[in-house]
Amino acid sequence: MKLRAIGIDLAKNVFQACGVNEHMKPQFNKRLKRHELLDFMRQQEPTMVVMEACYSSHYWGREMTKLGHNVKLIPAQHVTPFVRGNKNDPNDSFAITEASQRPNKRGQSHFK
């Protein structure tokens, strides 16, 4: 399964990862515990990983880069307009992925 991007909603103990294909259709939207995230990401082909910029996103960005993924951090205020329905982890992770695909969003940082 070829993914276009994986959006990760970071939290303290439980993360939500949403993978979308080239047509922006969700292929999975998984709830992962902190210790499961890196094992799950090792199993994914290298792709773009998108996270909201927050207190732990730089750490996770470095870890994802070590696994061969291209990491992009976006400010939370750029994600908010894309949340559909109630604010919950599955909706937030999809909104992160969708916001990352907009071409003229400023303030995005990339890891190399």
C-alpha atoms as a PDB file:
ATOM      1  CA  MET A   1       0.000   0.000   0.000  1.00  0.00           C
ATOM      2  CA  LYS A   2       1.625   3.240  -1.166  1.00  0.00           C
ATOM      3  CA  LEU A   3       0.862   6.137   1.172  1.00  0.00           C
ATOM      4  CA  ARG A   4       1.053   9.815   0.308  1.00  0.00           C
ATOM      5  CA  ALA A   5       1.390  10.945   3.925  1.00  0.00           C
ATOM      6  CA  ILE A   6       0.928   9.879   7.528  1.00  0.00           C
ATOM      7  CA  GLY A   7      -0.481  12.446   9.952  1.00  0.00           C
ATOM      8  CA  ILE A   8       0.271  11.884  13.626  1.00  0.00           C
ATOM      9  CA  ASP A   9      -1.640  13.545  16.441  1.00  0.00           C
ATOM     10  CA  LEU A  10       0.794  13.603  19.362  1.00  0.00           C
ATOM     11  CA  ALA A  11      -0.315  13.387  22.980  1.00  0.00           C
ATOM     12  CA  LYS A  12       1.128  12.259  26.292  1.00  0.00           C
ATOM     13  CA  ASN A  13       0.420   8.523  26.186  1.00  0.00           C
ATOM     14  CA  VAL A  14      -1.788   7.707  23.189  1.00  0.00           C
ATOM     15  CA  PHE A  15      -1.095   8.826  19.617  1.00  0.00           C
ATOM     16  CA  GLN A  16      -3.315   8.690  16.545  1.00  0.00           C
ATOM     17  CA  ALA A  17      -1.801   7.941  13.120  1.00  0.00           C
ATOM     18  CA  CYS A  18      -3.746   8.486   9.902  1.00  0.00           C
ATOM     19  CA  GLY A  19      -2.338   7.289   6.576  1.00  0.00           C
ATOM     20  CA  VAL A  20      -3.779   8.571   3.297  1.00  0.00           C
ATOM     21  CA  ASN A  21      -3.240   7.458  -0.304  1.00  0.00           C
ATOM     22  CA  GLU A  22      -2.564   9.700  -3.304  1.00  0.00           C
ATOM     23  CA  HIS A  23      -6.288  10.569  -3.508  1.00  0.00           C
ATOM     24  CA  MET A  24      -6.355  11.682   0.173  1.00  0.00           C
ATOM     25  CA  LYS A  25      -8.520   8.690   1.131  1.00  0.00           C
ATOM     26  CA  PRO A  26      -7.713   7.338   4.610  1.00  0.00           C
ATOM     27  CA  GLN A  27      -6.117   3.897   4.482  1.00  0.00           C
ATOM     28  CA  PHE A  28      -5.864   3.578   8.259  1.00  0.00           C
ATOM     29  CA  ASN A  29      -6.502   5.686  11.344  1.00  0.00           C
ATOM     30  CA  LYS A  30      -4.871   3.836  14.223  1.00  0.00           C
ATOM     31  CA  ARG A  31      -4.637   4.527  17.916  1.00  0.00           C
ATOM     32  CA  LEU A  32      -1.120   3.754  19.156  1.00  0.00           C
ATOM     33  CA  LYS A  33       0.451   3.806  22.578  1.00  0.00           C
ATOM     34  CA  ARG A  34       3.746   5.643  23.021  1.00  0.00           C
ATOM     35  CA  HIS A  35       5.853   2.466  22.995  1.00  0.00           C
ATOM     36  CA  GLU A  36       4.086   1.168  19.841  1.00  0.00           C
ATOM     37  CA  LEU A  37       4.660   4.204  17.607  1.00  0.00           C
ATOM     38  CA  LEU A  38       8.230   3.568  16.458  1.00  0.00           C
ATOM     39  CA  ASP A  39       7.575  -0.135  15.803  1.00  0.00           C
ATOM     40  CA  PHE A  40       4.538   0.796  13.725  1.00  0.00           C
ATOM     41  CA  MET A  41       6.480   3.422  11.754  1.00  0.00           C
ATOM     42  CA  ARG A  42       9.326   0.954  11.073  1.00  0.00           C
ATOM     43  CA  GLN A  43       6.801  -1.205   9.226  1.00  0.00           C
ATOM     44  CA  GLN A  44       5.725   1.665   6.935  1.00  0.00           C
ATOM     45  CA  GLU A  45       7.482   2.493   3.681  1.00  0.00           C
ATOM     46  CA  PRO A  46       9.354   5.808   3.817  1.00  0.00           C
ATOM     47  CA  THR A  47       6.826   8.577   3.235  1.00  0.00           C
ATOM     48  CA  MET A  48       5.958  12.064   4.435  1.00  0.00           C
ATOM     49  CA  VAL A  49       5.117  12.173   8.143  1.00  0.00           C
ATOM     50  CA  VAL A  50       3.253  15.255   9.343  1.00  0.00           C
ATOM     51  CA  MET A  51       2.808  16.447  12.929  1.00  0.00           C
ATOM     52  CA  GLU A  52       1.631  19.582  14.669  1.00  0.00           C
ATOM     53  CA  ALA A  53       4.545  21.542  16.064  1.00  0.00           C
ATOM     54  CA  CYS A  54       4.407  21.031  19.839  1.00  0.00           C
ATOM     55  CA  TYR A  55       6.586  20.254  22.814  1.00  0.00           C
ATOM     56  CA  SER A  56       7.528  16.725  21.699  1.00  0.00           C
ATOM     57  CA  SER A  57       7.283  16.987  17.907  1.00  0.00           C
ATOM     58  CA  HIS A  58      10.997  17.704  17.415  1.00  0.00           C
ATOM     59  CA  TYR A  59      11.961  14.539  19.279  1.00  0.00           C
ATOM     60  CA  TRP A  60       9.523  12.427  17.261  1.00  0.00           C
ATOM     61  CA  GLY A  61      10.598  14.177  14.063  1.00  0.00           C
ATOM     62  CA  ARG A  62      14.207  13.163  14.641  1.00  0.00           C
ATOM     63  CA  GLU A  63      13.166   9.575  15.375  1.00  0.00           C
ATOM     64  CA  MET A  64      11.029   9.378  12.203  1.00  0.00           C
ATOM     65  CA  THR A  65      13.880  10.843  10.138  1.00  0.00           C
ATOM     66  CA  LYS A  66      16.179   8.091  11.408  1.00  0.00           C
ATOM     67  CA  LEU A  67      13.646   5.592  10.008  1.00  0.00           C
ATOM     68  CA  GLY A  68      13.885   7.210   6.554  1.00  0.00           C
ATOM     69  CA  HIS A  69      10.672   9.234   6.606  1.00  0.00           C
ATOM     70  CA  ASN A  70      10.409  12.844   5.398  1.00  0.00           C
ATOM     71  CA  VAL A  71       9.051  14.836   8.368  1.00  0.00           C
ATOM     72  CA  LYS A  72       7.048  18.056   8.224  1.00  0.00           C
ATOM     73  CA  LEU A  73       5.884  20.072  11.244  1.00  0.00           C
ATOM     74  CA  ILE A  74       2.995  22.500  10.892  1.00  0.00           C
ATOM     75  CA  PRO A  75       1.632  25.048  13.377  1.00  0.00           C
ATOM     76  CA  ALA A  76      -1.575  24.114  15.183  1.00  0.00           C
ATOM     77  CA  GLN A  77      -3.421  27.185  13.893  1.00  0.00           C
ATOM     78  CA  HIS A  78      -3.013  25.856  10.326  1.00  0.00           C
ATOM     79  CA  VAL A  79      -4.675  22.559  11.259  1.00  0.00           C
ATOM     80  CA  THR A  80      -7.743  23.932  13.055  1.00  0.00           C
ATOM     81  CA  PRO A  81      -9.688  24.954   9.898  1.00  0.00           C
ATOM     82  CA  PHE A  82      -9.454  21.386   8.543  1.00  0.00           C
ATOM     83  CA  VAL A  83     -10.984  19.565  11.533  1.00  0.00           C
ATOM     84  CA  ARG A  84     -14.344  18.130  10.506  1.00  0.00           C
ATOM     85  CA  GLY A  85     -16.947  17.089  13.040  1.00  0.00           C
ATOM     86  CA  ASN A  86     -16.158  16.845  16.704  1.00  0.00           C
ATOM     87  CA  LYS A  87     -12.631  17.461  17.890  1.00  0.00           C
ATOM     88  CA  ASN A  88     -11.221  14.031  18.634  1.00  0.00           C
ATOM     89  CA  ASP A  89      -7.993  12.181  17.876  1.00  0.00           C
ATOM     90  CA  PRO A  90      -9.067  10.444  14.623  1.00  0.00           C
ATOM     91  CA  ASN A  91     -10.462  13.708  13.194  1.00  0.00           C
ATOM     92  CA  ASP A  92      -7.379  15.641  14.318  1.00  0.00           C
ATOM     93  CA  SER A  93      -4.920  13.216  12.700  1.00  0.00           C
ATOM     94  CA  PHE A  94      -6.793  13.375   9.383  1.00  0.00           C
ATOM     95  CA  ALA A  95      -6.917  17.192   9.608  1.00  0.00           C
ATOM     96  CA  ILE A  96      -3.141  17.293  10.142  1.00  0.00           C
ATOM     97  CA  THR A  97      -2.641  15.225   7.001  1.00  0.00           C
ATOM     98  CA  GLU A  98      -5.074  17.326   4.984  1.00  0.00           C
ATOM     99  CA  ALA A  99      -3.567  20.637   6.132  1.00  0.00           C
ATOM    100  CA  SER A 100      -0.105  19.468   5.076  1.00  0.00           C
ATOM    101  CA  GLN A 101      -1.229  19.060   1.462  1.00  0.00           C
ATOM    102  CA  ARG A 102      -2.172  22.720   1.000  1.00  0.00           C
ATOM    103  CA  PRO A 103       0.484  24.347  -1.185  1.00  0.00           C
ATOM    104  CA  ASN A 104       0.557  27.900   0.196  1.00  0.00           C
ATOM    105  CA  LYS A 105       0.737  27.244   3.931  1.00  0.00           C
ATOM    106  CA  ARG A 106       3.578  29.195   5.517  1.00  0.00           C
ATOM    107  CA  GLY A 107       5.375  28.254   8.681  1.00  0.00           C
ATOM    108  CA  GLN A 108       5.985  24.628   7.799  1.00  0.00           C
ATOM    109  CA  SER A 109       9.337  23.244   8.872  1.00  0.00           C
ATOM    110  CA  HIS A 110      11.052  20.222   7.391  1.00  0.00           C
ATOM    111  CA  PHE A 111      13.623  17.864   8.877  1.00  0.00           C
ATOM    112  CA  LYS A 112      16.524  16.790   6.684  1.00  0.00           C
END
